[in-house]
C-alpha atoms as a PDB file:
ATOM      1  CA  UNK A   1     -99.707 -55.357 161.913  1.00  0.00           C
ATOM      2  CA  UNK A   2     -98.100 -58.487 163.556  1.00  0.00           C
ATOM      3  CA  UNK A   3     -95.468 -58.592 160.832  1.00  0.00           C
ATOM      4  CA  UNK A   4     -94.654 -54.852 161.504  1.00  0.00           C
ATOM      5  CA  UNK A   5     -94.299 -55.666 165.198  1.00  0.00           C
ATOM      6  CA  UNK A   6     -92.099 -58.600 164.625  1.00  0.00           C
ATOM      7  CA  UNK A   7     -89.917 -56.776 162.303  1.00  0.00           C
ATOM      8  CA  UNK A   8     -89.404 -54.005 164.751  1.00  0.00           C
ATOM      9  CA  UNK A   9     -88.703 -56.311 167.470  1.00  0.00           C
ATOM     10  CA  UNK A  10     -86.105 -57.876 165.373  1.00  0.00           C
ATOM     11  CA  UNK A  11     -84.414 -54.700 164.847  1.00  0.00           C
ATOM     12  CA  UNK A  12     -84.437 -53.931 168.323  1.00  0.00           C
ATOM     13  CA  UNK A  13     -82.891 -57.185 169.367  1.00  0.00           C
ATOM     14  CA  UNK A  14     -80.197 -56.793 166.555  1.00  0.00           C
ATOM     15  CA  UNK A  15     -79.380 -53.484 167.970  1.00  0.00           C
ATOM     16  CA  UNK A  16     -79.199 -54.781 171.441  1.00  0.00           C
ATOM     17  CA  UNK A  17     -76.924 -57.837 170.223  1.00  0.00           C
ATOM     18  CA  UNK A  18     -74.575 -55.443 168.415  1.00  0.00           C
ATOM     19  CA  UNK A  19     -74.234 -52.865 171.288  1.00  0.00           C
ATOM     20  CA  UNK A  20     -73.044 -56.040 173.478  1.00  0.00           C
ATOM     21  CA  UNK A  21     -70.428 -56.717 171.025  1.00  0.00           C
ATOM     22  CA  UNK A  22     -67.227 -57.672 172.985  1.00  0.00           C
ATOM     23  CA  UNK A  23     -64.491 -54.872 173.327  1.00  0.00           C
ATOM     24  CA  UNK A  24     -61.713 -56.658 171.448  1.00  0.00           C
ATOM     25  CA  UNK A  25     -64.235 -57.930 168.565  1.00  0.00           C
ATOM     26  CA  UNK A  26     -65.316 -54.099 168.325  1.00  0.00           C
ATOM     27  CA  UNK A  27     -61.733 -53.070 168.151  1.00  0.00           C
ATOM     28  CA  UNK A  28     -60.646 -55.721 165.619  1.00  0.00           C
ATOM     29  CA  UNK A  29     -64.059 -55.156 163.387  1.00  0.00           C
ATOM     30  CA  UNK A  30     -63.735 -51.145 163.206  1.00  0.00           C
ATOM     31  CA  UNK A  31     -59.839 -51.429 162.735  1.00  0.00           C
ATOM     32  CA  UNK A  32     -59.983 -54.066 159.936  1.00  0.00           C
ATOM     33  CA  UNK A  33     -62.861 -52.263 158.222  1.00  0.00           C
ATOM     34  CA  UNK A  34     -61.069 -48.737 158.251  1.00  0.00           C
ATOM     35  CA  UNK A  35     -57.890 -50.248 156.973  1.00  0.00           C
ATOM     36  CA  UNK A  36     -59.542 -52.386 154.428  1.00  0.00           C
ATOM     37  CA  UNK A  37     -61.349 -49.121 153.149  1.00  0.00           C
ATOM     38  CA  UNK A  38     -58.137 -47.186 152.997  1.00  0.00           C
ATOM     39  CA  UNK A  39     -56.535 -50.098 151.209  1.00  0.00           C
ATOM     40  CA  UNK A  40     -59.088 -49.923 148.360  1.00  0.00           C
ATOM     41  CA  UNK A  41     -59.808 -46.158 147.981  1.00  0.00           C
ATOM     42  CA  UNK A  42     -57.436 -44.798 145.374  1.00  0.00           C
ATOM     43  CA  UNK A  43     -58.464 -41.277 146.462  1.00  0.00           C
ATOM     44  CA  UNK A  44     -57.040 -41.866 149.953  1.00  0.00           C
ATOM     45  CA  UNK A  45     -54.181 -43.739 148.632  1.00  0.00           C
ATOM     46  CA  UNK A  46     -53.405 -40.690 146.473  1.00  0.00           C
ATOM     47  CA  UNK A  47     -53.649 -38.046 149.637  1.00  0.00           C
ATOM     48  CA  UNK A  48     -57.455 -37.207 149.534  1.00  0.00           C
ATOM     49  CA  UNK A  49     -57.596 -35.519 153.138  1.00  0.00           C
ATOM     50  CA  UNK A  50     -61.098 -34.611 153.297  1.00  0.00           C
ATOM     51  CA  UNK A  51     -62.069 -38.210 152.242  1.00  0.00           C
ATOM     52  CA  UNK A  52     -60.063 -39.910 155.029  1.00  0.00           C
ATOM     53  CA  UNK A  53     -61.417 -37.312 157.409  1.00  0.00           C
ATOM     54  CA  UNK A  54     -65.005 -38.286 156.597  1.00  0.00           C
ATOM     55  CA  UNK A  55     -64.046 -42.068 156.933  1.00  0.00           C
ATOM     56  CA  UNK A  56     -62.662 -41.293 160.437  1.00  0.00           C
ATOM     57  CA  UNK A  57     -65.754 -39.296 161.377  1.00  0.00           C
ATOM     58  CA  UNK A  58     -68.170 -42.111 160.168  1.00  0.00           C
ATOM     59  CA  UNK A  59     -66.279 -45.113 161.104  1.00  0.00           C
ATOM     60  CA  UNK A  60     -64.144 -44.315 164.181  1.00  0.00           C
ATOM     61  CA  UNK A  61     -65.634 -41.438 166.167  1.00  0.00           C
ATOM     62  CA  UNK A  62     -68.776 -43.189 167.251  1.00  0.00           C
ATOM     63  CA  UNK A  63     -66.418 -45.713 169.258  1.00  0.00           C
ATOM     64  CA  UNK A  64     -64.627 -42.967 171.403  1.00  0.00           C
ATOM     65  CA  UNK A  65     -65.511 -41.236 174.582  1.00  0.00           C
ATOM     66  CA  UNK A  66     -64.248 -37.903 173.726  1.00  0.00           C
ATOM     67  CA  UNK A  67     -65.291 -36.096 177.100  1.00  0.00           C
ATOM     68  CA  UNK A  68     -63.420 -38.748 179.162  1.00  0.00           C
ATOM     69  CA  UNK A  69     -60.410 -38.520 176.796  1.00  0.00           C
ATOM     70  CA  UNK A  70     -60.312 -34.454 177.338  1.00  0.00           C
ATOM     71  CA  UNK A  71     -60.655 -34.906 181.051  1.00  0.00           C
ATOM     72  CA  UNK A  72     -57.878 -37.215 181.247  1.00  0.00           C
ATOM     73  CA  UNK A  73     -55.595 -34.869 179.128  1.00  0.00           C
ATOM     74  CA  UNK A  74     -56.392 -32.007 181.359  1.00  0.00           C
ATOM     75  CA  UNK A  75     -55.996 -33.874 184.470  1.00  0.00           C
ATOM     76  CA  UNK A  76     -56.699 -31.651 187.498  1.00  0.00           C
ATOM     77  CA  UNK A  77     -57.211 -28.689 185.343  1.00  0.00           C
ATOM     78  CA  UNK A  78     -60.329 -29.976 184.094  1.00  0.00           C
ATOM     79  CA  UNK A  79     -62.289 -29.346 187.393  1.00  0.00           C
ATOM     80  CA  UNK A  80     -61.119 -25.601 186.954  1.00  0.00           C
ATOM     81  CA  UNK A  81     -63.178 -25.324 183.681  1.00  0.00           C
ATOM     82  CA  UNK A  82     -67.074 -24.320 183.592  1.00  0.00           C
ATOM     83  CA  UNK A  83     -69.287 -26.718 181.890  1.00  0.00           C
ATOM     84  CA  UNK A  84     -69.304 -24.419 178.786  1.00  0.00           C
ATOM     85  CA  UNK A  85     -65.612 -24.468 178.727  1.00  0.00           C
ATOM     86  CA  UNK A  86     -65.450 -28.212 179.161  1.00  0.00           C
ATOM     87  CA  UNK A  87     -67.736 -28.617 176.251  1.00  0.00           C
ATOM     88  CA  UNK A  88     -65.480 -26.024 174.158  1.00  0.00           C
ATOM     89  CA  UNK A  89     -62.426 -28.061 175.159  1.00  0.00           C
ATOM     90  CA  UNK A  90     -63.817 -31.568 174.214  1.00  0.00           C
ATOM     91  CA  UNK A  91     -64.846 -30.170 170.892  1.00  0.00           C
ATOM     92  CA  UNK A  92     -61.378 -28.770 170.065  1.00  0.00           C
ATOM     93  CA  UNK A  93     -59.539 -31.588 171.426  1.00  0.00           C
ATOM     94  CA  UNK A  94     -61.882 -33.949 169.518  1.00  0.00           C
ATOM     95  CA  UNK A  95     -60.896 -32.289 166.202  1.00  0.00           C
ATOM     96  CA  UNK A  96     -57.126 -32.435 167.258  1.00  0.00           C
ATOM     97  CA  UNK A  97     -57.364 -35.954 167.759  1.00  0.00           C
ATOM     98  CA  UNK A  98     -59.444 -36.791 164.539  1.00  0.00           C
ATOM     99  CA  UNK A  99     -56.882 -34.736 162.592  1.00  0.00           C
ATOM    100  CA  UNK A 100     -53.769 -36.394 164.322  1.00  0.00           C
ATOM    101  CA  UNK A 101     -55.385 -39.966 163.933  1.00  0.00           C
ATOM    102  CA  UNK A 102     -56.232 -39.106 160.142  1.00  0.00           C
ATOM    103  CA  UNK A 103     -52.533 -37.949 159.609  1.00  0.00           C
ATOM    104  CA  UNK A 104     -51.265 -41.311 161.230  1.00  0.00           C
ATOM    105  CA  UNK A 105     -53.659 -43.179 158.888  1.00  0.00           C
ATOM    106  CA  UNK A 106     -52.626 -41.321 155.622  1.00  0.00           C
ATOM    107  CA  UNK A 107     -49.210 -43.141 155.933  1.00  0.00           C
ATOM    108  CA  UNK A 108     -50.831 -46.400 156.164  1.00  0.00           C
ATOM    109  CA  UNK A 109     -49.483 -48.917 153.265  1.00  0.00           C
ATOM    110  CA  UNK A 110     -48.917 -52.620 154.015  1.00  0.00           C
ATOM    111  CA  UNK A 111     -48.960 -52.738 157.917  1.00  0.00           C
ATOM    112  CA  UNK A 112     -50.712 -55.643 159.429  1.00  0.00           C
ATOM    113  CA  UNK A 113     -52.281 -55.570 162.927  1.00  0.00           C
ATOM    114  CA  UNK A 114     -51.941 -58.299 165.123  1.00  0.00           C
ATOM    115  CA  UNK A 115     -54.498 -58.740 167.945  1.00  0.00           C
ATOM    116  CA  UNK A 116     -53.539 -60.134 171.413  1.00  0.00           C
ATOM    117  CA  UNK A 117     -55.857 -62.485 173.283  1.00  0.00           C
ATOM    118  CA  UNK A 118     -58.241 -60.655 175.927  1.00  0.00           C
ATOM    119  CA  UNK A 119     -58.519 -61.896 179.397  1.00  0.00           C
ATOM    120  CA  UNK A 120     -61.479 -60.217 180.653  1.00  0.00           C
ATOM    121  CA  UNK A 121     -64.040 -61.081 183.468  1.00  0.00           C
ATOM    122  CA  UNK A 122     -67.871 -61.087 182.989  1.00  0.00           C
ATOM    123  CA  UNK A 123     -68.098 -57.947 185.393  1.00  0.00           C
ATOM    124  CA  UNK A 124     -65.108 -55.832 183.945  1.00  0.00           C
ATOM    125  CA  UNK A 125     -66.236 -52.472 182.749  1.00  0.00           C
ATOM    126  CA  UNK A 126     -62.656 -51.450 181.825  1.00  0.00           C
ATOM    127  CA  UNK A 127     -60.375 -53.309 179.751  1.00  0.00           C
ATOM    128  CA  UNK A 128     -57.029 -53.018 177.742  1.00  0.00           C
ATOM    129  CA  UNK A 129     -57.012 -54.313 173.991  1.00  0.00           C
ATOM    130  CA  UNK A 130     -53.289 -55.058 173.171  1.00  0.00           C
ATOM    131  CA  UNK A 131     -52.268 -54.946 169.440  1.00  0.00           C
ATOM    132  CA  UNK A 132     -49.306 -54.828 167.600  1.00  0.00           C
ATOM    133  CA  UNK A 133     -48.631 -53.091 164.182  1.00  0.00           C
ATOM    134  CA  UNK A 134     -46.279 -55.217 162.045  1.00  0.00           C
ATOM    135  CA  UNK A 135     -44.435 -52.687 159.451  1.00  0.00           C
ATOM    136  CA  UNK A 136     -42.078 -54.305 156.745  1.00  0.00           C
ATOM    137  CA  UNK A 137     -38.804 -53.496 157.526  1.00  0.00           C
ATOM    138  CA  UNK A 138     -39.184 -51.933 160.906  1.00  0.00           C
ATOM    139  CA  UNK A 139     -39.754 -53.069 164.472  1.00  0.00           C
ATOM    140  CA  UNK A 140     -43.199 -53.970 165.452  1.00  0.00           C
ATOM    141  CA  UNK A 141     -45.127 -51.051 167.219  1.00  0.00           C
ATOM    142  CA  UNK A 142     -47.246 -51.939 170.277  1.00  0.00           C
ATOM    143  CA  UNK A 143     -50.648 -49.975 169.844  1.00  0.00           C
ATOM    144  CA  UNK A 144     -53.200 -50.624 172.934  1.00  0.00           C
ATOM    145  CA  UNK A 145     -56.825 -49.500 173.417  1.00  0.00           C
ATOM    146  CA  UNK A 146     -58.272 -48.554 176.905  1.00  0.00           C
ATOM    147  CA  UNK A 147     -61.956 -49.052 176.622  1.00  0.00           C
ATOM    148  CA  UNK A 148     -64.869 -48.614 179.253  1.00  0.00           C
ATOM    149  CA  UNK A 149     -68.298 -49.901 178.980  1.00  0.00           C
ATOM    150  CA  UNK A 150     -70.979 -47.243 178.823  1.00  0.00           C
ATOM    151  CA  UNK A 151     -74.527 -48.519 179.133  1.00  0.00           C
ATOM    152  CA  UNK A 152     -74.408 -51.278 176.857  1.00  0.00           C
ATOM    153  CA  UNK A 153     -71.657 -50.020 174.486  1.00  0.00           C
ATOM    154  CA  UNK A 154     -67.741 -50.145 174.837  1.00  0.00           C
ATOM    155  CA  UNK A 155     -65.995 -46.893 174.288  1.00  0.00           C
ATOM    156  CA  UNK A 156     -62.502 -46.154 173.776  1.00  0.00           C
ATOM    157  CA  UNK A 157     -61.005 -43.450 176.154  1.00  0.00           C
ATOM    158  CA  UNK A 158     -57.344 -43.909 175.384  1.00  0.00           C
ATOM    159  CA  UNK A 159     -54.752 -45.197 172.945  1.00  0.00           C
ATOM    160  CA  UNK A 160     -51.256 -46.113 173.860  1.00  0.00           C
ATOM    161  CA  UNK A 161     -48.616 -46.074 171.370  1.00  0.00           C
ATOM    162  CA  UNK A 162     -45.258 -47.671 172.141  1.00  0.00           C
ATOM    163  CA  UNK A 163     -46.097 -47.362 175.930  1.00  0.00           C
ATOM    164  CA  UNK A 164     -47.010 -43.751 175.585  1.00  0.00           C
ATOM    165  CA  UNK A 165     -50.656 -42.777 176.277  1.00  0.00           C
ATOM    166  CA  UNK A 166     -52.140 -40.455 173.424  1.00  0.00           C
ATOM    167  CA  UNK A 167     -54.170 -38.320 175.866  1.00  0.00           C
ATOM    168  CA  UNK A 168     -51.897 -38.008 178.953  1.00  0.00           C
ATOM    169  CA  UNK A 169     -49.121 -37.073 176.689  1.00  0.00           C
ATOM    170  CA  UNK A 170     -50.963 -33.808 176.359  1.00  0.00           C
ATOM    171  CA  UNK A 171     -51.177 -33.158 180.046  1.00  0.00           C
ATOM    172  CA  UNK A 172     -48.216 -31.208 180.801  1.00  0.00           C
ATOM    173  CA  UNK A 173     -48.499 -29.140 177.572  1.00  0.00           C
ATOM    174  CA  UNK A 174     -52.168 -28.278 178.519  1.00  0.00           C
ATOM    175  CA  UNK A 175     -51.148 -27.558 182.053  1.00  0.00           C
ATOM    176  CA  UNK A 176     -48.644 -25.141 180.946  1.00  0.00           C
ATOM    177  CA  UNK A 177     -51.186 -23.507 178.632  1.00  0.00           C
ATOM    178  CA  UNK A 178     -53.536 -23.050 181.558  1.00  0.00           C
ATOM    179  CA  UNK A 179     -50.861 -21.446 183.765  1.00  0.00           C
ATOM    180  CA  UNK A 180     -50.261 -19.201 180.851  1.00  0.00           C
ATOM    181  CA  UNK A 181     -53.546 -18.221 179.622  1.00  0.00           C
ATOM    182  CA  UNK A 182     -56.144 -19.760 181.770  1.00  0.00           C
ATOM    183  CA  UNK A 183     -58.919 -22.236 180.405  1.00  0.00           C
ATOM    184  CA  UNK A 184     -59.836 -19.806 177.580  1.00  0.00           C
ATOM    185  CA  UNK A 185     -56.108 -19.560 176.371  1.00  0.00           C
ATOM    186  CA  UNK A 186     -55.965 -23.420 176.256  1.00  0.00           C
ATOM    187  CA  UNK A 187     -58.927 -23.352 174.054  1.00  0.00           C
ATOM    188  CA  UNK A 188     -57.590 -20.785 171.779  1.00  0.00           C
ATOM    189  CA  UNK A 189     -54.382 -22.677 171.657  1.00  0.00           C
ATOM    190  CA  UNK A 190     -55.958 -25.842 170.682  1.00  0.00           C
ATOM    191  CA  UNK A 191     -58.023 -23.896 168.213  1.00  0.00           C
ATOM    192  CA  UNK A 192     -55.061 -22.463 166.541  1.00  0.00           C
ATOM    193  CA  UNK A 193     -53.255 -25.903 166.406  1.00  0.00           C
ATOM    194  CA  UNK A 194     -56.331 -27.271 164.562  1.00  0.00           C
ATOM    195  CA  UNK A 195     -56.322 -24.431 162.112  1.00  0.00           C
ATOM    196  CA  UNK A 196     -52.709 -24.997 161.545  1.00  0.00           C
ATOM    197  CA  UNK A 197     -53.429 -28.809 160.863  1.00  0.00           C
ATOM    198  CA  UNK A 198     -56.327 -28.021 158.694  1.00  0.00           C
ATOM    199  CA  UNK A 199     -54.188 -25.846 156.496  1.00  0.00           C
ATOM    200  CA  UNK A 200     -51.562 -28.217 156.391  1.00  0.00           C
ATOM    201  CA  UNK A 201     -53.758 -31.241 155.428  1.00  0.00           C
ATOM    202  CA  UNK A 202     -55.403 -29.050 152.985  1.00  0.00           C
ATOM    203  CA  UNK A 203     -52.292 -28.607 151.104  1.00  0.00           C
ATOM    204  CA  UNK A 204     -51.815 -32.290 150.802  1.00  0.00           C
ATOM    205  CA  UNK A 205     -55.075 -32.596 148.594  1.00  0.00           C
END
């Protein structure tokens, strides 16, 4: 009985230690792991879209706060949505970001990611992880991640590519959709975009 109790305690301790992983360490671990899997997987390299989507779903999604990302993308329009609409918007925007992210990963070949040193105070709960994507024959691309501490884990709530925020880049577009067709119109618009991406990516299989 003592052995079982000790084993459970060890598992709980390991879980706490992992949850307290520093944000820059988490970003580097997940990024390196995903890119290494892509590099080694012949199916993904030859365009197996579903396998890439599954990889993103398993390895990347748990580290993102999609509710915060959706609220940022909608700005003031977020407060106009009912709790049910907010849930629907988050679900559809999550699918959109996953397919957009997967599509970007599908072009990964020999790029290298350089991680910049992080200056962070012990009490900080919001940090920016700066990285640089080195591409052979092209200029490096600045790729930064905004993270917030939620309970004991760090979650990404925005990705900034070459100075452009991924989520706020949608704000004007979403605001226009709300003006034209309300919150339900925006939900329908994102769902249609997701369907279009799904069809396009299915054609690459």
